Amino acid sequence: MKLQRKILLVTFAIILFHFGQASAQSVSDPIFTCRYYGEDYQIGARICLSTSGDARQATCGMVLNNSAWKVSAIKCSPVTEKKDRTTSKAQEYVDKYIRDYHSNGKSK
């Protein structure tokens, strides 16, 4: 009877340890993504990234605990057209300020 109780307690402890590890892992592992034109891409995703001049194949990866695009030397041609970049409220404010500045004749 004592042996069965010990086996039951050890089994219960192993099960509790396993569930504790699983819940701790899900809380501590953040989800990293790379962004391109407002879209999120998972680590390992490959896209055709526009660079200065032409398009190159890029892979989403990790560099110094940050997600980043690793651009290769392989040229590619985008299959789909890029979406317009979204502008922030700060950029909208700056654009409006510049338009107002020029329309009031202060640029002369």
PDB file of N, CA and C in Angstrom:
ATOM      1  N   MET A   1       0.812  -1.190   0.000  1.00  0.00           N
ATOM      2  CA  MET A   1       0.000   0.000   0.000  1.00  0.00           C
ATOM      3  C   MET A   1       0.867   1.271   0.000  1.00  0.00           C
ATOM      4  N   LYS A   2       1.947   1.254   0.773  1.00  0.00           N
ATOM      5  CA  LYS A   2       2.836   2.407   0.832  1.00  0.00           C
ATOM      6  C   LYS A   2       3.511   2.650  -0.511  1.00  0.00           C
ATOM      7  N   LEU A   3       3.852   1.571  -1.220  1.00  0.00           N
ATOM      8  CA  LEU A   3       4.488   1.694  -2.519  1.00  0.00           C
ATOM      9  C   LEU A   3       3.539   2.329  -3.533  1.00  0.00           C
ATOM     10  N   GLN A   4       2.281   1.930  -3.498  1.00  0.00           N
ATOM     11  CA  GLN A   4       1.293   2.518  -4.409  1.00  0.00           C
ATOM     12  C   GLN A   4       1.101   4.004  -4.121  1.00  0.00           C
ATOM     13  N   ARG A   5       1.113   4.376  -2.863  1.00  0.00           N
ATOM     14  CA  ARG A   5       0.955   5.781  -2.476  1.00  0.00           C
ATOM     15  C   ARG A   5       2.144   6.609  -2.967  1.00  0.00           C
ATOM     16  N   LYS A   6       3.369   6.072  -2.851  1.00  0.00           N
ATOM     17  CA  LYS A   6       4.555   6.767  -3.320  1.00  0.00           C
ATOM     18  C   LYS A   6       4.523   6.931  -4.836  1.00  0.00           C
ATOM     19  N   ILE A   7       4.123   5.884  -5.551  1.00  0.00           N
ATOM     20  CA  ILE A   7       4.024   5.963  -7.009  1.00  0.00           C
ATOM     21  C   ILE A   7       2.999   7.007  -7.413  1.00  0.00           C
ATOM     22  N   LEU A   8       1.865   7.020  -6.721  1.00  0.00           N
ATOM     23  CA  LEU A   8       0.823   8.002  -7.016  1.00  0.00           C
ATOM     24  C   LEU A   8       1.311   9.427  -6.757  1.00  0.00           C
ATOM     25  N   LEU A   9       2.008   9.651  -5.662  1.00  0.00           N
ATOM     26  CA  LEU A   9       2.534  10.981  -5.339  1.00  0.00           C
ATOM     27  C   LEU A   9       3.594  11.419  -6.346  1.00  0.00           C
ATOM     28  N   VAL A  10       4.469  10.528  -6.750  1.00  0.00           N
ATOM     29  CA  VAL A  10       5.504  10.864  -7.733  1.00  0.00           C
ATOM     30  C   VAL A  10       4.860  11.188  -9.078  1.00  0.00           C
ATOM     31  N   THR A  11       3.885  10.392  -9.483  1.00  0.00           N
ATOM     32  CA  THR A  11       3.177  10.650 -10.737  1.00  0.00           C
ATOM     33  C   THR A  11       2.481  11.998 -10.690  1.00  0.00           C
ATOM     34  N   PHE A  12       1.818  12.304  -9.594  1.00  0.00           N
ATOM     35  CA  PHE A  12       1.138  13.583  -9.429  1.00  0.00           C
ATOM     36  C   PHE A  12       2.134  14.739  -9.476  1.00  0.00           C
ATOM     37  N   ALA A  13       3.287  14.575  -8.838  1.00  0.00           N
ATOM     38  CA  ALA A  13       4.316  15.627  -8.851  1.00  0.00           C
ATOM     39  C   ALA A  13       4.854  15.852 -10.264  1.00  0.00           C
ATOM     40  N   ILE A  14       5.040  14.779 -11.029  1.00  0.00           N
ATOM     41  CA  ILE A  14       5.519  14.912 -12.404  1.00  0.00           C
ATOM     42  C   ILE A  14       4.491  15.654 -13.251  1.00  0.00           C
ATOM     43  N   ILE A  15       3.235  15.318 -13.090  1.00  0.00           N
ATOM     44  CA  ILE A  15       2.175  15.988 -13.851  1.00  0.00           C
ATOM     45  C   ILE A  15       2.132  17.473 -13.498  1.00  0.00           C
ATOM     46  N   LEU A  16       2.188  17.808 -12.224  1.00  0.00           N
ATOM     47  CA  LEU A  16       2.188  19.219 -11.809  1.00  0.00           C
ATOM     48  C   LEU A  16       3.406  19.952 -12.352  1.00  0.00           C
ATOM     49  N   PHE A  17       4.558  19.337 -12.323  1.00  0.00           N
ATOM     50  CA  PHE A  17       5.769  19.950 -12.855  1.00  0.00           C
ATOM     51  C   PHE A  17       5.623  20.223 -14.351  1.00  0.00           C
ATOM     52  N   HIS A  18       5.085  19.255 -15.081  1.00  0.00           N
ATOM     53  CA  HIS A  18       4.904  19.409 -16.527  1.00  0.00           C
ATOM     54  C   HIS A  18       3.971  20.579 -16.841  1.00  0.00           C
ATOM     55  N   PHE A  19       2.840  20.673 -16.151  1.00  0.00           N
ATOM     56  CA  PHE A  19       1.909  21.775 -16.410  1.00  0.00           C
ATOM     57  C   PHE A  19       2.485  23.110 -15.978  1.00  0.00           C
ATOM     58  N   GLY A  20       3.276  23.138 -14.929  1.00  0.00           N
ATOM     59  CA  GLY A  20       3.930  24.365 -14.492  1.00  0.00           C
ATOM     60  C   GLY A  20       4.928  24.861 -15.516  1.00  0.00           C
ATOM     61  N   GLN A  21       5.687  23.936 -16.110  1.00  0.00           N
ATOM     62  CA  GLN A  21       6.649  24.308 -17.146  1.00  0.00           C
ATOM     63  C   GLN A  21       5.942  24.832 -18.390  1.00  0.00           C
ATOM     64  N   ALA A  22       4.856  24.198 -18.781  1.00  0.00           N
ATOM     65  CA  ALA A  22       4.133  24.611 -19.986  1.00  0.00           C
ATOM     66  C   ALA A  22       3.526  25.996 -19.821  1.00  0.00           C
ATOM     67  N   SER A  23       2.954  26.279 -18.662  1.00  0.00           N
ATOM     68  CA  SER A  23       2.347  27.597 -18.469  1.00  0.00           C
ATOM     69  C   SER A  23       3.413  28.678 -18.325  1.00  0.00           C
ATOM     70  N   ALA A  24       4.534  28.365 -17.692  1.00  0.00           N
ATOM     71  CA  ALA A  24       5.613  29.346 -17.563  1.00  0.00           C
ATOM     72  C   ALA A  24       6.228  29.648 -18.922  1.00  0.00           C
ATOM     73  N   GLN A  25       6.330  28.644 -19.760  1.00  0.00           N
ATOM     74  CA  GLN A  25       6.918  28.855 -21.082  1.00  0.00           C
ATOM     75  C   GLN A  25       6.023  29.732 -21.936  1.00  0.00           C
ATOM     76  N   SER A  26       4.721  29.531 -21.884  1.00  0.00           N
ATOM     77  CA  SER A  26       3.829  30.326 -22.718  1.00  0.00           C
ATOM     78  C   SER A  26       3.781  31.780 -22.265  1.00  0.00           C
ATOM     79  N   VAL A  27       3.991  32.045 -20.997  1.00  0.00           N
ATOM     80  CA  VAL A  27       3.976  33.421 -20.497  1.00  0.00           C
ATOM     81  C   VAL A  27       5.285  34.125 -20.837  1.00  0.00           C
ATOM     82  N   SER A  28       6.412  33.413 -20.762  1.00  0.00           N
ATOM     83  CA  SER A  28       7.703  34.071 -20.915  1.00  0.00           C
ATOM     84  C   SER A  28       8.176  34.162 -22.367  1.00  0.00           C
ATOM     85  N   ASP A  29       7.575  33.415 -23.282  1.00  0.00           N
ATOM     86  CA  ASP A  29       8.012  33.445 -24.672  1.00  0.00           C
ATOM     87  C   ASP A  29       7.216  34.464 -25.470  1.00  0.00           C
ATOM     88  N   PRO A  30       7.797  35.637 -25.734  1.00  0.00           N
ATOM     89  CA  PRO A  30       7.070  36.626 -26.534  1.00  0.00           C
ATOM     90  C   PRO A  30       7.028  36.202 -27.999  1.00  0.00           C
ATOM     91  N   ILE A  31       6.075  36.720 -28.719  1.00  0.00           N
ATOM     92  CA  ILE A  31       5.956  36.421 -30.139  1.00  0.00           C
ATOM     93  C   ILE A  31       6.635  37.546 -30.906  1.00  0.00           C
ATOM     94  N   PHE A  32       7.696  37.211 -31.630  1.00  0.00           N
ATOM     95  CA  PHE A  32       8.416  38.196 -32.417  1.00  0.00           C
ATOM     96  C   PHE A  32       7.945  38.136 -33.861  1.00  0.00           C
ATOM     97  N   THR A  33       7.793  39.288 -34.472  1.00  0.00           N
ATOM     98  CA  THR A  33       7.427  39.366 -35.883  1.00  0.00           C
ATOM     99  C   THR A  33       8.246  40.461 -36.540  1.00  0.00           C
ATOM    100  N   CYS A  34       8.343  40.385 -37.861  1.00  0.00           N
ATOM    101  CA  CYS A  34       8.950  41.453 -38.649  1.00  0.00           C
ATOM    102  C   CYS A  34       7.823  42.183 -39.357  1.00  0.00           C
ATOM    103  N   ARG A  35       7.957  43.482 -39.557  1.00  0.00           N
ATOM    104  CA  ARG A  35       6.909  44.255 -40.214  1.00  0.00           C
ATOM    105  C   ARG A  35       7.384  44.749 -41.571  1.00  0.00           C
ATOM    106  N   TYR A  36       6.442  44.781 -42.513  1.00  0.00           N
ATOM    107  CA  TYR A  36       6.719  45.327 -43.833  1.00  0.00           C
ATOM    108  C   TYR A  36       5.407  45.851 -44.391  1.00  0.00           C
ATOM    109  N   TYR A  37       5.376  47.133 -44.648  1.00  0.00           N
ATOM    110  CA  TYR A  37       4.186  47.821 -45.158  1.00  0.00           C
ATOM    111  C   TYR A  37       2.938  47.489 -44.343  1.00  0.00           C
ATOM    112  N   GLY A  38       3.058  47.587 -43.031  1.00  0.00           N
ATOM    113  CA  GLY A  38       1.919  47.414 -42.145  1.00  0.00           C
ATOM    114  C   GLY A  38       1.512  45.987 -41.873  1.00  0.00           C
ATOM    115  N   GLU A  39       2.220  45.020 -42.389  1.00  0.00           N
ATOM    116  CA  GLU A  39       1.902  43.607 -42.185  1.00  0.00           C
ATOM    117  C   GLU A  39       2.928  42.977 -41.250  1.00  0.00           C
ATOM    118  N   ASP A  40       2.472  42.045 -40.406  1.00  0.00           N
ATOM    119  CA  ASP A  40       3.358  41.282 -39.531  1.00  0.00           C
ATOM    120  C   ASP A  40       3.713  39.961 -40.183  1.00  0.00           C
ATOM    121  N   TYR A  41       4.985  39.569 -40.089  1.00  0.00           N
ATOM    122  CA  TYR A  41       5.467  38.302 -40.632  1.00  0.00           C
ATOM    123  C   TYR A  41       6.168  37.544 -39.520  1.00  0.00           C
ATOM    124  N   GLN A  42       5.898  36.249 -39.409  1.00  0.00           N
ATOM    125  CA  GLN A  42       6.494  35.409 -38.378  1.00  0.00           C
ATOM    126  C   GLN A  42       7.972  35.170 -38.674  1.00  0.00           C
ATOM    127  N   ILE A  43       8.735  34.799 -37.636  1.00  0.00           N
ATOM    128  CA  ILE A  43      10.140  34.450 -37.795  1.00  0.00           C
ATOM    129  C   ILE A  43      10.236  33.302 -38.801  1.00  0.00           C
ATOM    130  N   GLY A  44      11.129  33.445 -39.772  1.00  0.00           N
ATOM    131  CA  GLY A  44      11.315  32.432 -40.800  1.00  0.00           C
ATOM    132  C   GLY A  44      10.590  32.746 -42.101  1.00  0.00           C
ATOM    133  N   ALA A  45       9.694  33.741 -42.090  1.00  0.00           N
ATOM    134  CA  ALA A  45       8.955  34.094 -43.303  1.00  0.00           C
ATOM    135  C   ALA A  45       9.887  34.737 -44.318  1.00  0.00           C
ATOM    136  N   ARG A  46       9.644  34.470 -45.600  1.00  0.00           N
ATOM    137  CA  ARG A  46      10.440  35.069 -46.674  1.00  0.00           C
ATOM    138  C   ARG A  46       9.540  35.920 -47.543  1.00  0.00           C
ATOM    139  N   ILE A  47      10.053  37.099 -47.896  1.00  0.00           N
ATOM    140  CA  ILE A  47       9.308  38.000 -48.773  1.00  0.00           C
ATOM    141  C   ILE A  47      10.272  38.614 -49.781  1.00  0.00           C
ATOM    142  N   CYS A  48       9.709  39.282 -50.754  1.00  0.00           N
ATOM    143  CA  CYS A  48      10.490  40.042 -51.715  1.00  0.00           C
ATOM    144  C   CYS A  48      10.478  41.490 -51.230  1.00  0.00           C
ATOM    145  N   LEU A  49      11.586  41.949 -50.675  1.00  0.00           N
ATOM    146  CA  LEU A  49      11.680  43.243 -50.012  1.00  0.00           C
ATOM    147  C   LEU A  49      12.287  44.267 -50.958  1.00  0.00           C
ATOM    148  N   SER A  50      11.622  45.399 -51.103  1.00  0.00           N
ATOM    149  CA  SER A  50      12.168  46.472 -51.941  1.00  0.00           C
ATOM    150  C   SER A  50      13.307  47.157 -51.212  1.00  0.00           C
ATOM    151  N   THR A  51      14.457  47.218 -51.870  1.00  0.00           N
ATOM    152  CA  THR A  51      15.612  47.903 -51.300  1.00  0.00           C
ATOM    153  C   THR A  51      15.920  49.102 -52.188  1.00  0.00           C
ATOM    154  N   SER A  52      16.961  49.812 -51.888  1.00  0.00           N
ATOM    155  CA  SER A  52      17.309  50.959 -52.726  1.00  0.00           C
ATOM    156  C   SER A  52      17.790  50.453 -54.080  1.00  0.00           C
ATOM    157  N   GLY A  53      16.974  50.629 -55.084  1.00  0.00           N
ATOM    158  CA  GLY A  53      17.352  50.216 -56.423  1.00  0.00           C
ATOM    159  C   GLY A  53      16.578  49.043 -56.955  1.00  0.00           C
ATOM    160  N   ASP A  54      16.542  47.927 -56.226  1.00  0.00           N
ATOM    161  CA  ASP A  54      15.824  46.761 -56.710  1.00  0.00           C
ATOM    162  C   ASP A  54      15.256  45.963 -55.543  1.00  0.00           C
ATOM    163  N   ALA A  55      14.631  44.841 -55.850  1.00  0.00           N
ATOM    164  CA  ALA A  55      14.018  44.014 -54.820  1.00  0.00           C
ATOM    165  C   ALA A  55      14.911  42.805 -54.537  1.00  0.00           C
ATOM    166  N   ARG A  56      14.994  42.437 -53.279  1.00  0.00           N
ATOM    167  CA  ARG A  56      15.822  41.310 -52.843  1.00  0.00           C
ATOM    168  C   ARG A  56      14.992  40.400 -51.950  1.00  0.00           C
ATOM    169  N   GLN A  57      15.366  39.122 -51.916  1.00  0.00           N
ATOM    170  CA  GLN A  57      14.698  38.189 -51.034  1.00  0.00           C
ATOM    171  C   GLN A  57      15.169  38.443 -49.612  1.00  0.00           C
ATOM    172  N   ALA A  58      14.212  38.511 -48.671  1.00  0.00           N
ATOM    173  CA  ALA A  58      14.541  38.770 -47.268  1.00  0.00           C
ATOM    174  C   ALA A  58      13.840  37.740 -46.391  1.00  0.00           C
ATOM    175  N   THR A  59      14.492  37.381 -45.297  1.00  0.00           N
ATOM    176  CA  THR A  59      13.958  36.416 -44.345  1.00  0.00           C
ATOM    177  C   THR A  59      13.844  37.086 -42.986  1.00  0.00           C
ATOM    178  N   CYS A  60      12.706  36.899 -42.333  1.00  0.00           N
ATOM    179  CA  CYS A  60      12.497  37.438 -40.984  1.00  0.00           C
ATOM    180  C   CYS A  60      13.284  36.575 -40.006  1.00  0.00           C
ATOM    181  N   GLY A  61      14.148  37.211 -39.222  1.00  0.00           N
ATOM    182  CA  GLY A  61      14.969  36.474 -38.260  1.00  0.00           C
ATOM    183  C   GLY A  61      15.244  37.295 -37.021  1.00  0.00           C
ATOM    184  N   MET A  62      16.105  36.783 -36.168  1.00  0.00           N
ATOM    185  CA  MET A  62      16.447  37.449 -34.918  1.00  0.00           C
ATOM    186  C   MET A  62      17.891  37.928 -34.957  1.00  0.00           C
ATOM    187  N   VAL A  63      18.103  39.173 -34.521  1.00  0.00           N
ATOM    188  CA  VAL A  63      19.439  39.756 -34.396  1.00  0.00           C
ATOM    189  C   VAL A  63      19.499  40.462 -33.047  1.00  0.00           C
ATOM    190  N   LEU A  64      20.369  39.983 -32.176  1.00  0.00           N
ATOM    191  CA  LEU A  64      20.528  40.578 -30.838  1.00  0.00           C
ATOM    192  C   LEU A  64      19.192  40.732 -30.111  1.00  0.00           C
ATOM    193  N   ASN A  65      18.404  39.657 -30.060  1.00  0.00           N
ATOM    194  CA  ASN A  65      17.110  39.613 -29.381  1.00  0.00           C
ATOM    195  C   ASN A  65      16.065  40.545 -29.981  1.00  0.00           C
ATOM    196  N   ASN A  66      16.242  40.950 -31.216  1.00  0.00           N
ATOM    197  CA  ASN A  66      15.259  41.772 -31.920  1.00  0.00           C
ATOM    198  C   ASN A  66      14.943  41.114 -33.252  1.00  0.00           C
ATOM    199  N   SER A  67      13.713  41.248 -33.676  1.00  0.00           N
ATOM    200  CA  SER A  67      13.370  40.718 -34.992  1.00  0.00           C
ATOM    201  C   SER A  67      13.862  41.699 -36.054  1.00  0.00           C
ATOM    202  N   ALA A  68      14.344  41.155 -37.158  1.00  0.00           N
ATOM    203  CA  ALA A  68      14.889  41.998 -38.225  1.00  0.00           C
ATOM    204  C   ALA A  68      14.865  41.226 -39.537  1.00  0.00           C
ATOM    205  N   TRP A  69      14.814  41.978 -40.631  1.00  0.00           N
ATOM    206  CA  TRP A  69      14.880  41.364 -41.952  1.00  0.00           C
ATOM    207  C   TRP A  69      16.336  41.107 -42.299  1.00  0.00           C
ATOM    208  N   LYS A  70      16.639  39.901 -42.751  1.00  0.00           N
ATOM    209  CA  LYS A  70      17.967  39.552 -43.252  1.00  0.00           C
ATOM    210  C   LYS A  70      17.853  39.537 -44.775  1.00  0.00           C
ATOM    211  N   VAL A  71      18.417  40.540 -45.411  1.00  0.00           N
ATOM    212  CA  VAL A  71      18.298  40.704 -46.857  1.00  0.00           C
ATOM    213  C   VAL A  71      19.411  39.912 -47.533  1.00  0.00           C
ATOM    214  N   SER A  72      19.041  39.096 -48.511  1.00  0.00           N
ATOM    215  CA  SER A  72      20.029  38.286 -49.231  1.00  0.00           C
ATOM    216  C   SER A  72      20.424  38.982 -50.529  1.00  0.00           C
ATOM    217  N   ALA A  73      21.357  38.394 -51.229  1.00  0.00           N
ATOM    218  CA  ALA A  73      21.796  38.941 -52.513  1.00  0.00           C
ATOM    219  C   ALA A  73      20.915  38.457 -53.662  1.00  0.00           C
ATOM    220  N   ILE A  74      19.951  37.589 -53.357  1.00  0.00           N
ATOM    221  CA  ILE A  74      19.083  37.018 -54.389  1.00  0.00           C
ATOM    222  C   ILE A  74      18.052  38.054 -54.821  1.00  0.00           C
ATOM    223  N   LYS A  75      18.055  38.392 -56.108  1.00  0.00           N
ATOM    224  CA  LYS A  75      17.070  39.342 -56.631  1.00  0.00           C
ATOM    225  C   LYS A  75      15.735  38.630 -56.820  1.00  0.00           C
ATOM    226  N   CYS A  76      14.662  39.385 -56.715  1.00  0.00           N
ATOM    227  CA  CYS A  76      13.329  38.828 -56.901  1.00  0.00           C
ATOM    228  C   CYS A  76      12.423  39.898 -57.490  1.00  0.00           C
ATOM    229  N   SER A  77      11.247  39.480 -57.902  1.00  0.00           N
ATOM    230  CA  SER A  77      10.272  40.447 -58.408  1.00  0.00           C
ATOM    231  C   SER A  77       9.003  40.289 -57.579  1.00  0.00           C
ATOM    232  N   PRO A  78       8.513  41.385 -57.007  1.00  0.00           N
ATOM    233  CA  PRO A  78       7.316  41.302 -56.162  1.00  0.00           C
ATOM    234  C   PRO A  78       6.131  40.752 -56.953  1.00  0.00           C
ATOM    235  N   VAL A  79       5.429  39.801 -56.366  1.00  0.00           N
ATOM    236  CA  VAL A  79       4.262  39.199 -57.008  1.00  0.00           C
ATOM    237  C   VAL A  79       3.054  40.114 -56.861  1.00  0.00           C
ATOM    238  N   THR A  80       2.931  40.731 -55.694  1.00  0.00           N
ATOM    239  CA  THR A  80       1.809  41.625 -55.443  1.00  0.00           C
ATOM    240  C   THR A  80       2.309  43.047 -55.291  1.00  0.00           C
ATOM    241  N   GLU A  81       1.437  43.980 -55.518  1.00  0.00           N
ATOM    242  CA  GLU A  81       1.810  45.382 -55.347  1.00  0.00           C
ATOM    243  C   GLU A  81       1.828  45.731 -53.869  1.00  0.00           C
ATOM    244  N   LYS A  82       2.718  46.652 -53.535  1.00  0.00           N
ATOM    245  CA  LYS A  82       2.828  47.084 -52.152  1.00  0.00           C
ATOM    246  C   LYS A  82       1.630  47.943 -51.772  1.00  0.00           C
ATOM    247  N   LYS A  83       1.269  47.833 -50.498  1.00  0.00           N
ATOM    248  CA  LYS A  83       0.236  48.712 -49.967  1.00  0.00           C
ATOM    249  C   LYS A  83       0.874  50.052 -49.641  1.00  0.00           C
ATOM    250  N   ASP A  84       0.054  51.093 -49.636  1.00  0.00           N
ATOM    251  CA  ASP A  84       0.575  52.392 -49.220  1.00  0.00           C
ATOM    252  C   ASP A  84       0.964  52.330 -47.756  1.00  0.00           C
ATOM    253  N   ARG A  85       2.030  53.002 -47.436  1.00  0.00           N
ATOM    254  CA  ARG A  85       2.440  53.055 -46.034  1.00  0.00           C
ATOM    255  C   ARG A  85       1.423  53.878 -45.241  1.00  0.00           C
ATOM    256  N   THR A  86       1.198  53.439 -44.032  1.00  0.00           N
ATOM    257  CA  THR A  86       0.306  54.205 -43.172  1.00  0.00           C
ATOM    258  C   THR A  86       1.096  55.355 -42.562  1.00  0.00           C
ATOM    259  N   THR A  87       0.451  56.497 -42.393  1.00  0.00           N
ATOM    260  CA  THR A  87       1.133  57.638 -41.807  1.00  0.00           C
ATOM    261  C   THR A  87       0.667  57.826 -40.374  1.00  0.00           C
ATOM    262  N   SER A  88       1.539  58.321 -39.555  1.00  0.00           N
ATOM    263  CA  SER A  88       1.207  58.558 -38.158  1.00  0.00           C
ATOM    264  C   SER A  88       0.559  59.935 -38.017  1.00  0.00           C
ATOM    265  N   LYS A  89      -0.038  60.156 -36.865  1.00  0.00           N
ATOM    266  CA  LYS A  89      -0.646  61.461 -36.580  1.00  0.00           C
ATOM    267  C   LYS A  89       0.421  62.551 -36.587  1.00  0.00           C
ATOM    268  N   ALA A  90       1.611  62.231 -36.112  1.00  0.00           N
ATOM    269  CA  ALA A  90       2.690  63.223 -36.094  1.00  0.00           C
ATOM    270  C   ALA A  90       3.075  63.620 -37.514  1.00  0.00           C
ATOM    271  N   GLN A  91       3.160  62.646 -38.420  1.00  0.00           N
ATOM    272  CA  GLN A  91       3.513  62.956 -39.796  1.00  0.00           C
ATOM    273  C   GLN A  91       2.416  63.772 -40.459  1.00  0.00           C
ATOM    274  N   GLU A  92       1.146  63.444 -40.183  1.00  0.00           N
ATOM    275  CA  GLU A  92       0.033  64.224 -40.733  1.00  0.00           C
ATOM    276  C   GLU A  92       0.110  65.676 -40.262  1.00  0.00           C
ATOM    277  N   TYR A  93       0.462  65.875 -38.983  1.00  0.00           N
ATOM    278  CA  TYR A  93       0.583  67.218 -38.427  1.00  0.00           C
ATOM    279  C   TYR A  93       1.703  67.990 -39.131  1.00  0.00           C
ATOM    280  N   VAL A  94       2.849  67.342 -39.323  1.00  0.00           N
ATOM    281  CA  VAL A  94       3.977  68.001 -39.979  1.00  0.00           C
ATOM    282  C   VAL A  94       3.613  68.363 -41.419  1.00  0.00           C
ATOM    283  N   ASP A  95       2.967  67.439 -42.137  1.00  0.00           N
ATOM    284  CA  ASP A  95       2.556  67.713 -43.519  1.00  0.00           C
ATOM    285  C   ASP A  95       1.604  68.898 -43.583  1.00  0.00           C
ATOM    286  N   LYS A  96       0.640  68.961 -42.669  1.00  0.00           N
ATOM    287  CA  LYS A  96      -0.316  70.072 -42.639  1.00  0.00           C
ATOM    288  C   LYS A  96       0.400  71.379 -42.323  1.00  0.00           C
ATOM    289  N   TYR A  97       1.340  71.347 -41.386  1.00  0.00           N
ATOM    290  CA  TYR A  97       2.093  72.540 -41.023  1.00  0.00           C
ATOM    291  C   TYR A  97       2.869  73.075 -42.225  1.00  0.00           C
ATOM    292  N   ILE A  98       3.505  72.188 -42.964  1.00  0.00           N
ATOM    293  CA  ILE A  98       4.284  72.609 -44.131  1.00  0.00           C
ATOM    294  C   ILE A  98       3.376  73.196 -45.196  1.00  0.00           C
ATOM    295  N   ARG A  99       2.234  72.555 -45.443  1.00  0.00           N
ATOM    296  CA  ARG A  99       1.293  73.089 -46.438  1.00  0.00           C
ATOM    297  C   ARG A  99       0.802  74.472 -46.021  1.00  0.00           C
ATOM    298  N   ASP A 100       0.450  74.636 -44.743  1.00  0.00           N
ATOM    299  CA  ASP A 100      -0.025  75.932 -44.252  1.00  0.00           C
ATOM    300  C   ASP A 100       1.081  76.987 -44.318  1.00  0.00           C
ATOM    301  N   TYR A 101       2.288  76.578 -44.012  1.00  0.00           N
ATOM    302  CA  TYR A 101       3.423  77.487 -44.028  1.00  0.00           C
ATOM    303  C   TYR A 101       3.636  78.035 -45.434  1.00  0.00           C
ATOM    304  N   HIS A 102       3.610  77.153 -46.428  1.00  0.00           N
ATOM    305  CA  HIS A 102       3.817  77.560 -47.809  1.00  0.00           C
ATOM    306  C   HIS A 102       2.626  78.362 -48.364  1.00  0.00           C
ATOM    307  N   SER A 103       1.414  78.007 -47.935  1.00  0.00           N
ATOM    308  CA  SER A 103       0.240  78.717 -48.462  1.00  0.00           C
ATOM    309  C   SER A 103       0.107  80.131 -47.883  1.00  0.00           C
ATOM    310  N   ASN A 104       0.720  80.402 -46.757  1.00  0.00           N
ATOM    311  CA  ASN A 104       0.665  81.736 -46.156  1.00  0.00           C
ATOM    312  C   ASN A 104       1.762  82.646 -46.677  1.00  0.00           C
ATOM    313  N   GLY A 105       2.570  82.165 -47.611  1.00  0.00           N
ATOM    314  CA  GLY A 105       3.585  83.008 -48.226  1.00  0.00           C
ATOM    315  C   GLY A 105       4.824  83.221 -47.390  1.00  0.00           C
ATOM    316  N   LYS A 106       5.024  82.416 -46.341  1.00  0.00           N
ATOM    317  CA  LYS A 106       6.185  82.591 -45.477  1.00  0.00           C
ATOM    318  C   LYS A 106       7.440  81.973 -46.045  1.00  0.00           C
ATOM    319  N   SER A 107       7.304  81.239 -47.141  1.00  0.00           N
ATOM    320  CA  SER A 107       8.488  80.595 -47.704  1.00  0.00           C
ATOM    321  C   SER A 107       9.251  81.523 -48.645  1.00  0.00           C
ATOM    322  N   LYS A 108       8.744  82.746 -48.895  1.00  0.00           N
ATOM    323  CA  LYS A 108       9.405  83.664 -49.833  1.00  0.00           C
ATOM    324  C   LYS A 108      10.546  84.389 -49.201  1.00  0.00           C
TER     325      LYS A 108
END
